């Protein structure tokens, strides 16, 4: 019997590859959860993003947002749901972070934010 991988796994692995600053967080997540839970990890990524936005250097966040933008434009529906449900929705109470993030977002990520905040 073939083992089916959760559709979010490759998305998450590629995200960590593109944003190596997530590697330690990813490793901790795998240890604590004895495997990858994509929606839970995206909550960790949201908290990481909030912390990163407190610094002046937001290059890491821009790379992450650009990756999300690509996935929202051309990724699978499961990737799009992962971003909308477990990243964008988790930002709803982070008003100061959102204020700073909005100018950094592409049109697809902005649309996802608007749709989740309605």
PDB file of N, CA and C in Angstrom:
ATOM      1  N   UNK A   1       0.842  -1.172   0.000  1.00  0.00           N
ATOM      2  CA  UNK A   1       0.000   0.000   0.000  1.00  0.00           C
ATOM      3  C   UNK A   1       0.896   1.247   0.000  1.00  0.00           C
ATOM      4  N   UNK A   2       0.623   2.188  -0.884  1.00  0.00           N
ATOM      5  CA  UNK A   2       1.402   3.425  -0.972  1.00  0.00           C
ATOM      6  C   UNK A   2       0.939   4.399   0.111  1.00  0.00           C
ATOM      7  N   UNK A   3       1.898   5.074   0.684  1.00  0.00           N
ATOM      8  CA  UNK A   3       1.583   6.076   1.702  1.00  0.00           C
ATOM      9  C   UNK A   3       1.338   7.394   0.995  1.00  0.00           C
ATOM     10  N   UNK A   4       0.192   7.997   1.268  1.00  0.00           N
ATOM     11  CA  UNK A   4      -0.111   9.287   0.670  1.00  0.00           C
ATOM     12  C   UNK A   4       0.376  10.394   1.586  1.00  0.00           C
ATOM     13  N   UNK A   5       1.053  11.356   0.993  1.00  0.00           N
ATOM     14  CA  UNK A   5       1.564  12.475   1.760  1.00  0.00           C
ATOM     15  C   UNK A   5       0.524  13.596   1.747  1.00  0.00           C
ATOM     16  N   UNK A   6       0.343  14.251   2.868  1.00  0.00           N
ATOM     17  CA  UNK A   6      -0.565  15.395   2.965  1.00  0.00           C
ATOM     18  C   UNK A   6      -0.142  16.420   1.919  1.00  0.00           C
ATOM     19  N   UNK A   7      -1.096  17.007   1.200  1.00  0.00           N
ATOM     20  CA  UNK A   7      -0.747  17.964   0.151  1.00  0.00           C
ATOM     21  C   UNK A   7       0.064  19.158   0.651  1.00  0.00           C
ATOM     22  N   UNK A   8      -0.066  19.492   1.909  1.00  0.00           N
ATOM     23  CA  UNK A   8       0.679  20.629   2.444  1.00  0.00           C
ATOM     24  C   UNK A   8       2.133  20.348   2.735  1.00  0.00           C
ATOM     25  N   UNK A   9       2.529  19.060   2.759  1.00  0.00           N
ATOM     26  CA  UNK A   9       3.901  18.728   3.125  1.00  0.00           C
ATOM     27  C   UNK A   9       4.921  19.354   2.181  1.00  0.00           C
ATOM     28  N   UNK A  10       4.753  19.172   0.878  1.00  0.00           N
ATOM     29  CA  UNK A  10       5.743  19.706  -0.057  1.00  0.00           C
ATOM     30  C   UNK A  10       5.751  21.239  -0.015  1.00  0.00           C
ATOM     31  N   UNK A  11       4.586  21.826   0.181  1.00  0.00           N
ATOM     32  CA  UNK A  11       4.499  23.285   0.317  1.00  0.00           C
ATOM     33  C   UNK A  11       5.328  23.753   1.514  1.00  0.00           C
ATOM     34  N   UNK A  12       5.176  23.076   2.648  1.00  0.00           N
ATOM     35  CA  UNK A  12       5.903  23.445   3.867  1.00  0.00           C
ATOM     36  C   UNK A  12       7.405  23.229   3.679  1.00  0.00           C
ATOM     37  N   UNK A  13       7.788  22.081   3.141  1.00  0.00           N
ATOM     38  CA  UNK A  13       9.219  21.805   2.940  1.00  0.00           C
ATOM     39  C   UNK A  13       9.854  22.854   2.038  1.00  0.00           C
ATOM     40  N   UNK A  14       9.151  23.249   0.984  1.00  0.00           N
ATOM     41  CA  UNK A  14       9.677  24.270   0.071  1.00  0.00           C
ATOM     42  C   UNK A  14       9.753  25.625   0.772  1.00  0.00           C
ATOM     43  N   UNK A  15       8.782  25.940   1.616  1.00  0.00           N
ATOM     44  CA  UNK A  15       8.793  27.190   2.357  1.00  0.00           C
ATOM     45  C   UNK A  15      10.018  27.265   3.263  1.00  0.00           C
ATOM     46  N   UNK A  16      10.311  26.170   3.956  1.00  0.00           N
ATOM     47  CA  UNK A  16      11.473  26.142   4.854  1.00  0.00           C
ATOM     48  C   UNK A  16      12.760  26.243   4.037  1.00  0.00           C
ATOM     49  N   UNK A  17      12.773  25.664   2.856  1.00  0.00           N
ATOM     50  CA  UNK A  17      13.951  25.771   1.997  1.00  0.00           C
ATOM     51  C   UNK A  17      14.155  27.227   1.552  1.00  0.00           C
ATOM     52  N   UNK A  18      13.071  27.904   1.198  1.00  0.00           N
ATOM     53  CA  UNK A  18      13.158  29.291   0.742  1.00  0.00           C
ATOM     54  C   UNK A  18      13.458  30.262   1.885  1.00  0.00           C
ATOM     55  N   UNK A  19      12.998  29.922   3.065  1.00  0.00           N
ATOM     56  CA  UNK A  19      13.176  30.784   4.243  1.00  0.00           C
ATOM     57  C   UNK A  19      13.903  29.961   5.313  1.00  0.00           C
ATOM     58  N   UNK A  20      15.215  29.825   5.185  1.00  0.00           N
ATOM     59  CA  UNK A  20      15.965  28.976   6.122  1.00  0.00           C
ATOM     60  C   UNK A  20      15.867  29.424   7.576  1.00  0.00           C
ATOM     61  N   UNK A  21      15.464  30.661   7.800  1.00  0.00           N
ATOM     62  CA  UNK A  21      15.268  31.139   9.171  1.00  0.00           C
ATOM     63  C   UNK A  21      14.152  30.367   9.876  1.00  0.00           C
ATOM     64  N   UNK A  22      13.346  29.643   9.121  1.00  0.00           N
ATOM     65  CA  UNK A  22      12.271  28.821   9.695  1.00  0.00           C
ATOM     66  C   UNK A  22      12.755  27.429  10.114  1.00  0.00           C
ATOM     67  N   UNK A  23      13.978  27.067   9.759  1.00  0.00           N
ATOM     68  CA  UNK A  23      14.447  25.696   9.978  1.00  0.00           C
ATOM     69  C   UNK A  23      14.387  25.265  11.444  1.00  0.00           C
ATOM     70  N   UNK A  24      14.852  26.111  12.342  1.00  0.00           N
ATOM     71  CA  UNK A  24      14.839  25.752  13.767  1.00  0.00           C
ATOM     72  C   UNK A  24      13.409  25.572  14.271  1.00  0.00           C
ATOM     73  N   UNK A  25      12.535  26.473  13.872  1.00  0.00           N
ATOM     74  CA  UNK A  25      11.116  26.381  14.230  1.00  0.00           C
ATOM     75  C   UNK A  25      10.510  25.088  13.684  1.00  0.00           C
ATOM     76  N   UNK A  26      10.859  24.768  12.445  1.00  0.00           N
ATOM     77  CA  UNK A  26      10.378  23.549  11.794  1.00  0.00           C
ATOM     78  C   UNK A  26      10.869  22.300  12.537  1.00  0.00           C
ATOM     79  N   UNK A  27      12.157  22.273  12.860  1.00  0.00           N
ATOM     80  CA  UNK A  27      12.722  21.129  13.588  1.00  0.00           C
ATOM     81  C   UNK A  27      12.041  20.953  14.943  1.00  0.00           C
ATOM     82  N   UNK A  28      11.822  22.059  15.659  1.00  0.00           N
ATOM     83  CA  UNK A  28      11.127  21.997  16.954  1.00  0.00           C
ATOM     84  C   UNK A  28       9.705  21.462  16.775  1.00  0.00           C
ATOM     85  N   UNK A  29       9.037  21.925  15.740  1.00  0.00           N
ATOM     86  CA  UNK A  29       7.671  21.465  15.453  1.00  0.00           C
ATOM     87  C   UNK A  29       7.647  19.953  15.218  1.00  0.00           C
ATOM     88  N   UNK A  30       8.570  19.470  14.405  1.00  0.00           N
ATOM     89  CA  UNK A  30       8.620  18.026  14.120  1.00  0.00           C
ATOM     90  C   UNK A  30       8.858  17.214  15.392  1.00  0.00           C
ATOM     91  N   UNK A  31       9.767  17.706  16.244  1.00  0.00           N
ATOM     92  CA  UNK A  31      10.059  16.998  17.499  1.00  0.00           C
ATOM     93  C   UNK A  31       8.845  16.990  18.421  1.00  0.00           C
ATOM     94  N   UNK A  32       8.241  18.139  18.611  1.00  0.00           N
ATOM     95  CA  UNK A  32       7.121  18.261  19.546  1.00  0.00           C
ATOM     96  C   UNK A  32       5.886  17.484  19.089  1.00  0.00           C
ATOM     97  N   UNK A  33       5.669  17.437  17.784  1.00  0.00           N
ATOM     98  CA  UNK A  33       4.457  16.811  17.256  1.00  0.00           C
ATOM     99  C   UNK A  33       4.692  15.427  16.673  1.00  0.00           C
ATOM    100  N   UNK A  34       5.947  14.981  16.736  1.00  0.00           N
ATOM    101  CA  UNK A  34       6.331  13.671  16.188  1.00  0.00           C
ATOM    102  C   UNK A  34       5.940  13.547  14.714  1.00  0.00           C
ATOM    103  N   UNK A  35       6.080  14.664  14.004  1.00  0.00           N
ATOM    104  CA  UNK A  35       5.758  14.711  12.588  1.00  0.00           C
ATOM    105  C   UNK A  35       5.251  16.089  12.228  1.00  0.00           C
ATOM    106  N   UNK A  36       4.926  16.246  10.965  1.00  0.00           N
ATOM    107  CA  UNK A  36       4.467  17.533  10.472  1.00  0.00           C
ATOM    108  C   UNK A  36       2.951  17.639  10.495  1.00  0.00           C
ATOM    109  N   UNK A  37       2.470  18.675  11.136  1.00  0.00           N
ATOM    110  CA  UNK A  37       1.054  19.044  11.125  1.00  0.00           C
ATOM    111  C   UNK A  37       0.986  20.397  10.420  1.00  0.00           C
ATOM    112  N   UNK A  38       0.713  20.404   9.112  1.00  0.00           N
ATOM    113  CA  UNK A  38       0.832  21.634   8.330  1.00  0.00           C
ATOM    114  C   UNK A  38       0.069  22.839   8.889  1.00  0.00           C
ATOM    115  N   UNK A  39      -1.174  22.656   9.303  1.00  0.00           N
ATOM    116  CA  UNK A  39      -1.945  23.798   9.808  1.00  0.00           C
ATOM    117  C   UNK A  39      -1.375  24.309  11.123  1.00  0.00           C
ATOM    118  N   UNK A  40      -0.915  23.413  11.958  1.00  0.00           N
ATOM    119  CA  UNK A  40      -0.308  23.824  13.231  1.00  0.00           C
ATOM    120  C   UNK A  40       0.999  24.566  12.954  1.00  0.00           C
ATOM    121  N   UNK A  41       1.796  24.038  12.034  1.00  0.00           N
ATOM    122  CA  UNK A  41       3.059  24.704  11.708  1.00  0.00           C
ATOM    123  C   UNK A  41       2.816  26.097  11.127  1.00  0.00           C
ATOM    124  N   UNK A  42       1.775  26.248  10.327  1.00  0.00           N
ATOM    125  CA  UNK A  42       1.487  27.572   9.778  1.00  0.00           C
ATOM    126  C   UNK A  42       1.129  28.567  10.883  1.00  0.00           C
ATOM    127  N   UNK A  43       0.544  28.091  11.970  1.00  0.00           N
ATOM    128  CA  UNK A  43       0.326  28.948  13.132  1.00  0.00           C
ATOM    129  C   UNK A  43       1.657  29.410  13.705  1.00  0.00           C
ATOM    130  N   UNK A  44       2.633  28.486  13.748  1.00  0.00           N
ATOM    131  CA  UNK A  44       3.988  28.840  14.195  1.00  0.00           C
ATOM    132  C   UNK A  44       4.600  29.883  13.262  1.00  0.00           C
ATOM    133  N   UNK A  45       4.379  29.715  11.963  1.00  0.00           N
ATOM    134  CA  UNK A  45       4.905  30.655  10.967  1.00  0.00           C
ATOM    135  C   UNK A  45       4.269  32.031  11.153  1.00  0.00           C
ATOM    136  N   UNK A  46       2.994  32.059  11.507  1.00  0.00           N
ATOM    137  CA  UNK A  46       2.324  33.336  11.762  1.00  0.00           C
ATOM    138  C   UNK A  46       2.987  34.039  12.945  1.00  0.00           C
ATOM    139  N   UNK A  47       3.214  33.312  14.024  1.00  0.00           N
ATOM    140  CA  UNK A  47       3.865  33.907  15.200  1.00  0.00           C
ATOM    141  C   UNK A  47       5.284  34.372  14.851  1.00  0.00           C
ATOM    142  N   UNK A  48       5.996  33.580  14.051  1.00  0.00           N
ATOM    143  CA  UNK A  48       7.326  33.949  13.572  1.00  0.00           C
ATOM    144  C   UNK A  48       7.247  35.274  12.807  1.00  0.00           C
ATOM    145  N   UNK A  49       6.261  35.404  11.941  1.00  0.00           N
ATOM    146  CA  UNK A  49       6.087  36.607  11.125  1.00  0.00           C
ATOM    147  C   UNK A  49       5.821  37.822  12.007  1.00  0.00           C
ATOM    148  N   UNK A  50       4.963  37.662  12.995  1.00  0.00           N
ATOM    149  CA  UNK A  50       4.660  38.757  13.917  1.00  0.00           C
ATOM    150  C   UNK A  50       5.946  39.214  14.615  1.00  0.00           C
ATOM    151  N   UNK A  51       6.759  38.271  15.074  1.00  0.00           N
ATOM    152  CA  UNK A  51       8.018  38.611  15.739  1.00  0.00           C
ATOM    153  C   UNK A  51       8.986  39.284  14.770  1.00  0.00           C
ATOM    154  N   UNK A  52       9.065  38.778  13.555  1.00  0.00           N
ATOM    155  CA  UNK A  52       9.961  39.366  12.557  1.00  0.00           C
ATOM    156  C   UNK A  52       9.567  40.802  12.229  1.00  0.00           C
ATOM    157  N   UNK A  53       8.290  41.083  12.224  1.00  0.00           N
ATOM    158  CA  UNK A  53       7.817  42.424  11.880  1.00  0.00           C
ATOM    159  C   UNK A  53       8.166  43.443  12.956  1.00  0.00           C
ATOM    160  N   UNK A  54       8.584  42.989  14.112  1.00  0.00           N
ATOM    161  CA  UNK A  54       9.017  43.904  15.166  1.00  0.00           C
ATOM    162  C   UNK A  54      10.425  44.426  14.902  1.00  0.00           C
ATOM    163  N   UNK A  55      11.154  43.750  14.009  1.00  0.00           N
ATOM    164  CA  UNK A  55      12.505  44.198  13.664  1.00  0.00           C
ATOM    165  C   UNK A  55      12.429  45.139  12.467  1.00  0.00           C
ATOM    166  N   UNK A  56      13.508  45.805  12.196  1.00  0.00           N
ATOM    167  CA  UNK A  56      13.543  46.731  11.068  1.00  0.00           C
ATOM    168  C   UNK A  56      13.798  45.997   9.752  1.00  0.00           C
ATOM    169  N   UNK A  57      14.413  44.846   9.820  1.00  0.00           N
ATOM    170  CA  UNK A  57      14.771  44.102   8.612  1.00  0.00           C
ATOM    171  C   UNK A  57      13.675  43.087   8.305  1.00  0.00           C
ATOM    172  N   UNK A  58      12.880  43.381   7.302  1.00  0.00           N
ATOM    173  CA  UNK A  58      11.753  42.517   6.976  1.00  0.00           C
ATOM    174  C   UNK A  58      11.969  41.730   5.687  1.00  0.00           C
ATOM    175  N   UNK A  59      13.226  41.565   5.284  1.00  0.00           N
ATOM    176  CA  UNK A  59      13.539  40.830   4.058  1.00  0.00           C
ATOM    177  C   UNK A  59      13.013  39.405   4.154  1.00  0.00           C
ATOM    178  N   UNK A  60      13.185  38.772   5.296  1.00  0.00           N
ATOM    179  CA  UNK A  60      12.720  37.399   5.502  1.00  0.00           C
ATOM    180  C   UNK A  60      11.209  37.321   5.325  1.00  0.00           C
ATOM    181  N   UNK A  61      10.502  38.279   5.888  1.00  0.00           N
ATOM    182  CA  UNK A  61       9.041  38.296   5.776  1.00  0.00           C
ATOM    183  C   UNK A  61       8.631  38.506   4.320  1.00  0.00           C
ATOM    184  N   UNK A  62       9.345  39.352   3.600  1.00  0.00           N
ATOM    185  CA  UNK A  62       8.996  39.587   2.198  1.00  0.00           C
ATOM    186  C   UNK A  62       9.164  38.323   1.370  1.00  0.00           C
ATOM    187  N   UNK A  63      10.215  37.566   1.621  1.00  0.00           N
ATOM    188  CA  UNK A  63      10.410  36.292   0.912  1.00  0.00           C
ATOM    189  C   UNK A  63       9.245  35.356   1.208  1.00  0.00           C
ATOM    190  N   UNK A  64       8.844  35.299   2.457  1.00  0.00           N
ATOM    191  CA  UNK A  64       7.726  34.453   2.866  1.00  0.00           C
ATOM    192  C   UNK A  64       6.420  34.898   2.194  1.00  0.00           C
ATOM    193  N   UNK A  65       6.145  36.183   2.218  1.00  0.00           N
ATOM    194  CA  UNK A  65       4.922  36.704   1.603  1.00  0.00           C
ATOM    195  C   UNK A  65       4.919  36.470   0.092  1.00  0.00           C
ATOM    196  N   UNK A  66       6.073  36.618  -0.535  1.00  0.00           N
ATOM    197  CA  UNK A  66       6.171  36.361  -1.976  1.00  0.00           C
ATOM    198  C   UNK A  66       5.879  34.895  -2.284  1.00  0.00           C
ATOM    199  N   UNK A  67       6.360  34.010  -1.429  1.00  0.00           N
ATOM    200  CA  UNK A  67       6.091  32.581  -1.604  1.00  0.00           C
ATOM    201  C   UNK A  67       4.589  32.305  -1.465  1.00  0.00           C
ATOM    202  N   UNK A  68       3.959  32.919  -0.481  1.00  0.00           N
ATOM    203  CA  UNK A  68       2.517  32.763  -0.305  1.00  0.00           C
ATOM    204  C   UNK A  68       1.762  33.327  -1.505  1.00  0.00           C
ATOM    205  N   UNK A  69       2.221  34.452  -2.002  1.00  0.00           N
ATOM    206  CA  UNK A  69       1.576  35.078  -3.161  1.00  0.00           C
ATOM    207  C   UNK A  69       1.597  34.130  -4.365  1.00  0.00           C
ATOM    208  N   UNK A  70       2.749  33.522  -4.618  1.00  0.00           N
ATOM    209  CA  UNK A  70       2.864  32.558  -5.722  1.00  0.00           C
ATOM    210  C   UNK A  70       1.881  31.402  -5.548  1.00  0.00           C
ATOM    211  N   UNK A  71       1.807  30.880  -4.333  1.00  0.00           N
ATOM    212  CA  UNK A  71       0.927  29.741  -4.073  1.00  0.00           C
ATOM    213  C   UNK A  71      -0.545  30.137  -4.197  1.00  0.00           C
ATOM    214  N   UNK A  72      -0.884  31.328  -3.771  1.00  0.00           N
ATOM    215  CA  UNK A  72      -2.274  31.778  -3.891  1.00  0.00           C
ATOM    216  C   UNK A  72      -2.648  32.004  -5.353  1.00  0.00           C
ATOM    217  N   UNK A  73      -1.680  32.363  -6.155  1.00  0.00           N
ATOM    218  CA  UNK A  73      -1.941  32.605  -7.573  1.00  0.00           C
ATOM    219  C   UNK A  73      -2.000  31.301  -8.363  1.00  0.00           C
ATOM    220  N   UNK A  74      -1.068  30.387  -8.092  1.00  0.00           N
ATOM    221  CA  UNK A  74      -0.945  29.219  -8.962  1.00  0.00           C
ATOM    222  C   UNK A  74      -0.849  27.888  -8.229  1.00  0.00           C
ATOM    223  N   UNK A  75      -0.946  27.906  -6.920  1.00  0.00           N
ATOM    224  CA  UNK A  75      -0.808  26.669  -6.157  1.00  0.00           C
ATOM    225  C   UNK A  75      -2.093  25.866  -6.107  1.00  0.00           C
ATOM    226  N   UNK A  76      -2.008  24.752  -5.447  1.00  0.00           N
ATOM    227  CA  UNK A  76      -3.171  23.876  -5.305  1.00  0.00           C
ATOM    228  C   UNK A  76      -4.184  24.497  -4.340  1.00  0.00           C
ATOM    229  N   UNK A  77      -5.395  23.998  -4.397  1.00  0.00           N
ATOM    230  CA  UNK A  77      -6.428  24.502  -3.487  1.00  0.00           C
ATOM    231  C   UNK A  77      -6.066  24.205  -2.033  1.00  0.00           C
ATOM    232  N   UNK A  78      -5.379  23.092  -1.780  1.00  0.00           N
ATOM    233  CA  UNK A  78      -4.985  22.784  -0.396  1.00  0.00           C
ATOM    234  C   UNK A  78      -3.916  23.761   0.101  1.00  0.00           C
ATOM    235  N   UNK A  79      -3.017  24.192  -0.783  1.00  0.00           N
ATOM    236  CA  UNK A  79      -2.019  25.193  -0.390  1.00  0.00           C
ATOM    237  C   UNK A  79      -2.700  26.529  -0.119  1.00  0.00           C
ATOM    238  N   UNK A  80      -3.635  26.887  -0.973  1.00  0.00           N
ATOM    239  CA  UNK A  80      -4.357  28.141  -0.794  1.00  0.00           C
ATOM    240  C   UNK A  80      -5.149  28.138   0.512  1.00  0.00           C
ATOM    241  N   UNK A  81      -5.775  27.013   0.819  1.00  0.00           N
ATOM    242  CA  UNK A  81      -6.529  26.887   2.070  1.00  0.00           C
ATOM    243  C   UNK A  81      -5.598  26.958   3.275  1.00  0.00           C
ATOM    244  N   UNK A  82      -4.442  26.339   3.163  1.00  0.00           N
ATOM    245  CA  UNK A  82      -3.459  26.358   4.245  1.00  0.00           C
ATOM    246  C   UNK A  82      -3.035  27.793   4.555  1.00  0.00           C
ATOM    247  N   UNK A  83      -2.787  28.574   3.534  1.00  0.00           N
ATOM    248  CA  UNK A  83      -2.382  29.973   3.721  1.00  0.00           C
ATOM    249  C   UNK A  83      -3.537  30.788   4.308  1.00  0.00           C
ATOM    250  N   UNK A  84      -4.714  30.648   3.721  1.00  0.00           N
ATOM    251  CA  UNK A  84      -5.865  31.446   4.170  1.00  0.00           C
ATOM    252  C   UNK A  84      -6.296  31.074   5.586  1.00  0.00           C
ATOM    253  N   UNK A  85      -6.426  29.794   5.850  1.00  0.00           N
ATOM    254  CA  UNK A  85      -6.964  29.346   7.141  1.00  0.00           C
ATOM    255  C   UNK A  85      -5.946  29.387   8.265  1.00  0.00           C
ATOM    256  N   UNK A  86      -4.692  29.146   7.955  1.00  0.00           N
ATOM    257  CA  UNK A  86      -3.724  28.982   9.038  1.00  0.00           C
ATOM    258  C   UNK A  86      -2.637  30.040   9.084  1.00  0.00           C
ATOM    259  N   UNK A  87      -2.649  30.954   8.151  1.00  0.00           N
ATOM    260  CA  UNK A  87      -1.737  32.100   8.234  1.00  0.00           C
ATOM    261  C   UNK A  87      -2.562  33.385   8.316  1.00  0.00           C
ATOM    262  N   UNK A  88      -3.326  33.649   7.289  1.00  0.00           N
ATOM    263  CA  UNK A  88      -4.076  34.902   7.216  1.00  0.00           C
ATOM    264  C   UNK A  88      -5.063  35.022   8.381  1.00  0.00           C
ATOM    265  N   UNK A  89      -5.832  33.980   8.633  1.00  0.00           N
ATOM    266  CA  UNK A  89      -6.806  34.054   9.736  1.00  0.00           C
ATOM    267  C   UNK A  89      -6.133  34.257  11.085  1.00  0.00           C
ATOM    268  N   UNK A  90      -4.957  33.668  11.264  1.00  0.00           N
ATOM    269  CA  UNK A  90      -4.233  33.834  12.527  1.00  0.00           C
ATOM    270  C   UNK A  90      -3.715  35.254  12.719  1.00  0.00           C
ATOM    271  N   UNK A  91      -3.663  36.037  11.649  1.00  0.00           N
ATOM    272  CA  UNK A  91      -3.204  37.430  11.749  1.00  0.00           C
ATOM    273  C   UNK A  91      -4.322  38.402  12.114  1.00  0.00           C
ATOM    274  N   UNK A  92      -5.547  37.957  12.135  1.00  0.00           N
ATOM    275  CA  UNK A  92      -6.688  38.870  12.308  1.00  0.00           C
ATOM    276  C   UNK A  92      -6.593  39.760  13.550  1.00  0.00           C
ATOM    277  N   UNK A  93      -6.045  39.251  14.639  1.00  0.00           N
ATOM    278  CA  UNK A  93      -5.953  40.054  15.864  1.00  0.00           C
ATOM    279  C   UNK A  93      -4.644  40.832  15.967  1.00  0.00           C
ATOM    280  N   UNK A  94      -3.808  40.709  14.977  1.00  0.00           N
ATOM    281  CA  UNK A  94      -2.500  41.368  14.968  1.00  0.00           C
ATOM    282  C   UNK A  94      -2.567  42.664  14.156  1.00  0.00           C
ATOM    283  N   UNK A  95      -3.310  43.623  14.658  1.00  0.00           N
ATOM    284  CA  UNK A  95      -3.584  44.859  13.913  1.00  0.00           C
ATOM    285  C   UNK A  95      -2.314  45.611  13.524  1.00  0.00           C
ATOM    286  N   UNK A  96      -1.387  45.754  14.443  1.00  0.00           N
ATOM    287  CA  UNK A  96      -0.145  46.482  14.147  1.00  0.00           C
ATOM    288  C   UNK A  96       0.679  45.743  13.097  1.00  0.00           C
ATOM    289  N   UNK A  97       0.768  44.444  13.223  1.00  0.00           N
ATOM    290  CA  UNK A  97       1.496  43.652  12.232  1.00  0.00           C
ATOM    291  C   UNK A  97       0.829  43.748  10.875  1.00  0.00           C
ATOM    292  N   UNK A  98      -0.474  43.643  10.834  1.00  0.00           N
ATOM    293  CA  UNK A  98      -1.207  43.750   9.566  1.00  0.00           C
ATOM    294  C   UNK A  98      -0.999  45.108   8.909  1.00  0.00           C
ATOM    295  N   UNK A  99      -0.972  46.149   9.701  1.00  0.00           N
ATOM    296  CA  UNK A  99      -0.748  47.488   9.161  1.00  0.00           C
ATOM    297  C   UNK A  99       0.596  47.533   8.421  1.00  0.00           C
ATOM    298  N   UNK A 100       1.600  46.889   8.981  1.00  0.00           N
ATOM    299  CA  UNK A 100       2.928  46.861   8.359  1.00  0.00           C
ATOM    300  C   UNK A 100       3.002  45.875   7.201  1.00  0.00           C
ATOM    301  N   UNK A 101       2.243  44.793   7.288  1.00  0.00           N
ATOM    302  CA  UNK A 101       2.293  43.754   6.253  1.00  0.00           C
ATOM    303  C   UNK A 101       1.554  44.141   4.974  1.00  0.00           C
ATOM    304  N   UNK A 102       0.463  44.867   5.098  1.00  0.00           N
ATOM    305  CA  UNK A 102      -0.375  45.173   3.926  1.00  0.00           C
ATOM    306  C   UNK A 102       0.414  45.740   2.740  1.00  0.00           C
ATOM    307  N   UNK A 103       1.299  46.723   2.957  1.00  0.00           N
ATOM    308  CA  UNK A 103       2.040  47.240   1.806  1.00  0.00           C
ATOM    309  C   UNK A 103       3.017  46.210   1.196  1.00  0.00           C
ATOM    310  N   UNK A 104       3.332  45.189   1.940  1.00  0.00           N
ATOM    311  CA  UNK A 104       4.255  44.153   1.472  1.00  0.00           C
ATOM    312  C   UNK A 104       3.538  43.033   0.729  1.00  0.00           C
ATOM    313  N   UNK A 105       2.219  42.982   0.845  1.00  0.00           N
ATOM    314  CA  UNK A 105       1.422  41.899   0.256  1.00  0.00           C
ATOM    315  C   UNK A 105       1.155  42.144  -1.222  1.00  0.00           C
ATOM    316  N   UNK A 106       1.128  41.043  -1.975  1.00  0.00           N
ATOM    317  CA  UNK A 106       0.696  41.105  -3.366  1.00  0.00           C
ATOM    318  C   UNK A 106      -0.818  41.052  -3.427  1.00  0.00           C
ATOM    319  N   UNK A 107      -1.391  41.163  -4.607  1.00  0.00           N
ATOM    320  CA  UNK A 107      -2.853  41.222  -4.742  1.00  0.00           C
ATOM    321  C   UNK A 107      -3.581  39.966  -4.281  1.00  0.00           C
ATOM    322  N   UNK A 108      -3.010  38.798  -4.459  1.00  0.00           N
ATOM    323  CA  UNK A 108      -3.686  37.564  -4.053  1.00  0.00           C
ATOM    324  C   UNK A 108      -3.712  37.425  -2.528  1.00  0.00           C
ATOM    325  N   UNK A 109      -2.626  37.794  -1.892  1.00  0.00           N
ATOM    326  CA  UNK A 109      -2.578  37.733  -0.431  1.00  0.00           C
ATOM    327  C   UNK A 109      -3.498  38.796   0.171  1.00  0.00           C
ATOM    328  N   UNK A 110      -3.551  39.966  -0.437  1.00  0.00           N
ATOM    329  CA  UNK A 110      -4.476  41.004   0.036  1.00  0.00           C
ATOM    330  C   UNK A 110      -5.923  40.528  -0.096  1.00  0.00           C
ATOM    331  N   UNK A 111      -6.229  39.876  -1.202  1.00  0.00           N
ATOM    332  CA  UNK A 111      -7.586  39.354  -1.400  1.00  0.00           C
ATOM    333  C   UNK A 111      -7.908  38.304  -0.341  1.00  0.00           C
ATOM    334  N   UNK A 112      -6.959  37.422  -0.051  1.00  0.00           N
ATOM    335  CA  UNK A 112      -7.182  36.392   0.981  1.00  0.00           C
ATOM    336  C   UNK A 112      -7.430  37.064   2.335  1.00  0.00           C
ATOM    337  N   UNK A 113      -6.692  38.130   2.628  1.00  0.00           N
ATOM    338  CA  UNK A 113      -6.889  38.838   3.883  1.00  0.00           C
ATOM    339  C   UNK A 113      -8.277  39.459   3.929  1.00  0.00           C
ATOM    340  N   UNK A 114      -8.698  40.089   2.853  1.00  0.00           N
ATOM    341  CA  UNK A 114     -10.025  40.727   2.803  1.00  0.00           C
ATOM    342  C   UNK A 114     -11.125  39.670   2.966  1.00  0.00           C
ATOM    343  N   UNK A 115     -10.983  38.550   2.267  1.00  0.00           N
ATOM    344  CA  UNK A 115     -12.000  37.491   2.346  1.00  0.00           C
ATOM    345  C   UNK A 115     -12.103  36.882   3.733  1.00  0.00           C
ATOM    346  N   UNK A 116     -10.995  36.744   4.433  1.00  0.00           N
ATOM    347  CA  UNK A 116     -11.043  36.152   5.773  1.00  0.00           C
ATOM    348  C   UNK A 116     -11.485  37.149   6.830  1.00  0.00           C
ATOM    349  N   UNK A 117     -11.376  38.436   6.526  1.00  0.00           N
ATOM    350  CA  UNK A 117     -11.758  39.434   7.531  1.00  0.00           C
ATOM    351  C   UNK A 117     -13.212  39.873   7.396  1.00  0.00           C
ATOM    352  N   UNK A 118     -13.907  39.369   6.392  1.00  0.00           N
ATOM    353  CA  UNK A 118     -15.322  39.745   6.206  1.00  0.00           C
ATOM    354  C   UNK A 118     -16.218  38.997   7.152  1.00  0.00           C
TER     355      UNK A 118
END
